[in-house]
Amino acid sequence: SLRATAHNYHVPYPRLHARFQNRPSKVGHPSTNKLLNEKQATALRLYIKRCNDLGFSALPHIIHDAATYILKSSNPDTATPIKPLGRDWVQRWL
């Protein structure tokens, strides 16, 4: 039985059952909580670097606004609003 096999091999039963049902592992699965793609993240990093080079501090609210601008400018469907950045998005992104 599946339960006995899980017990013998010290594997959680729900995990073994999921694999038996052909549900893939979450390891290697792309994360779904990233709002910026690599190109957009690079653009934001370059903006922060430019602010530093010009002697301006890139404060969290400035980074938040810049990221929002980047997301809005790369959204081809203006009828569909972009998903707003969360309150702590900047701290998690940095």
Protein backbone atom coordinates (compact mmCIF):
# COMPACT_ATOMS: atom_id res chain seq x y z
CA SER A 1 0.00 0.00 0.00
CA LEU A 2 1.03 3.58 -0.51
CA ARG A 3 0.81 4.42 3.18
CA ALA A 4 3.06 1.52 4.17
CA THR A 5 5.59 2.43 1.49
CA ALA A 6 5.65 6.03 2.69
CA HIS A 7 6.23 4.80 6.24
CA ASN A 8 9.00 2.36 5.22
CA TYR A 9 10.94 5.00 3.27
CA HIS A 10 10.26 7.86 5.72
CA VAL A 11 8.47 9.93 3.08
CA PRO A 12 5.38 12.00 3.91
CA TYR A 13 2.30 10.20 2.62
CA PRO A 14 0.79 13.30 0.91
CA ARG A 15 4.00 13.78 -1.08
CA LEU A 16 4.12 10.15 -2.21
CA HIS A 17 0.42 10.25 -3.08
CA ALA A 18 0.94 13.42 -5.14
CA ARG A 19 3.80 11.81 -7.10
CA PHE A 20 1.65 8.71 -7.64
CA GLN A 21 -1.01 11.02 -9.12
CA ASN A 22 1.66 12.45 -11.50
CA ARG A 23 1.81 15.81 -9.73
CA PRO A 24 5.36 17.19 -10.22
CA SER A 25 7.64 18.35 -7.46
CA LYS A 26 7.78 22.06 -6.63
CA VAL A 27 11.57 21.96 -6.78
CA GLY A 28 12.70 23.56 -10.00
CA HIS A 29 9.26 25.09 -10.54
CA PRO A 30 9.52 28.76 -11.54
CA SER A 31 8.45 31.12 -8.79
CA THR A 32 5.18 32.95 -9.28
CA ASN A 33 5.80 35.89 -7.00
CA LYS A 34 8.15 37.82 -9.27
CA LEU A 35 6.53 40.84 -10.85
CA LEU A 36 9.60 42.05 -12.73
CA ASN A 37 11.25 39.95 -15.39
CA GLU A 38 15.06 40.00 -15.76
CA LYS A 39 15.05 42.84 -18.29
CA GLN A 40 12.83 45.00 -16.06
CA ALA A 41 14.90 44.20 -12.96
CA THR A 42 18.06 45.19 -14.84
CA ALA A 43 16.43 48.47 -15.87
CA LEU A 44 15.52 49.17 -12.24
CA ARG A 45 19.07 48.37 -11.08
CA LEU A 46 20.48 50.74 -13.72
CA TYR A 47 18.07 53.45 -12.55
CA ILE A 48 19.21 53.01 -8.94
CA LYS A 49 22.86 53.11 -10.05
CA ARG A 50 22.24 56.28 -12.05
CA CYS A 51 20.58 57.93 -9.04
CA ASN A 52 23.64 57.04 -6.94
CA ASP A 53 26.02 58.33 -9.63
CA LEU A 54 24.13 61.65 -9.68
CA GLY A 55 24.28 61.90 -5.88
CA PHE A 56 20.61 61.19 -5.20
CA SER A 57 19.50 58.61 -2.68
CA ALA A 58 17.25 55.97 -4.19
CA LEU A 59 14.77 55.85 -1.32
CA PRO A 60 12.29 52.98 -1.10
CA HIS A 61 9.34 55.06 -2.31
CA ILE A 62 11.38 56.23 -5.33
CA ILE A 63 12.32 52.63 -6.18
CA HIS A 64 8.66 51.62 -5.76
CA ASP A 65 7.52 54.39 -8.13
CA ALA A 66 10.23 53.52 -10.67
CA ALA A 67 9.26 49.83 -10.62
CA THR A 68 5.60 50.75 -11.06
CA TYR A 69 6.52 52.97 -14.02
CA ILE A 70 8.57 50.17 -15.59
CA LEU A 71 5.69 47.72 -15.19
CA LYS A 72 3.14 50.17 -16.62
CA SER A 73 5.34 51.10 -19.57
CA SER A 74 5.90 47.45 -20.48
CA ASN A 75 2.20 46.53 -20.28
CA PRO A 76 0.90 46.41 -23.88
CA ASP A 77 -2.71 45.98 -22.76
CA THR A 78 -3.67 49.32 -21.22
CA ALA A 79 -7.22 48.08 -20.60
CA THR A 80 -5.90 45.55 -18.08
CA PRO A 81 -4.33 47.23 -15.05
CA ILE A 82 -1.03 45.93 -13.73
CA LYS A 83 -0.89 44.08 -10.44
CA PRO A 84 0.10 46.70 -7.85
CA LEU A 85 3.33 46.32 -5.94
CA GLY A 86 2.87 45.45 -2.30
CA ARG A 87 3.80 47.68 0.60
CA ASP A 88 6.98 45.70 1.38
CA TRP A 89 7.89 44.88 -2.22
CA VAL A 90 11.01 47.08 -2.28
CA GLN A 91 12.47 45.53 0.89
CA ARG A 92 11.90 42.02 -0.47
CA TRP A 93 13.31 42.92 -3.90
CA LEU A 94 16.46 44.46 -2.47
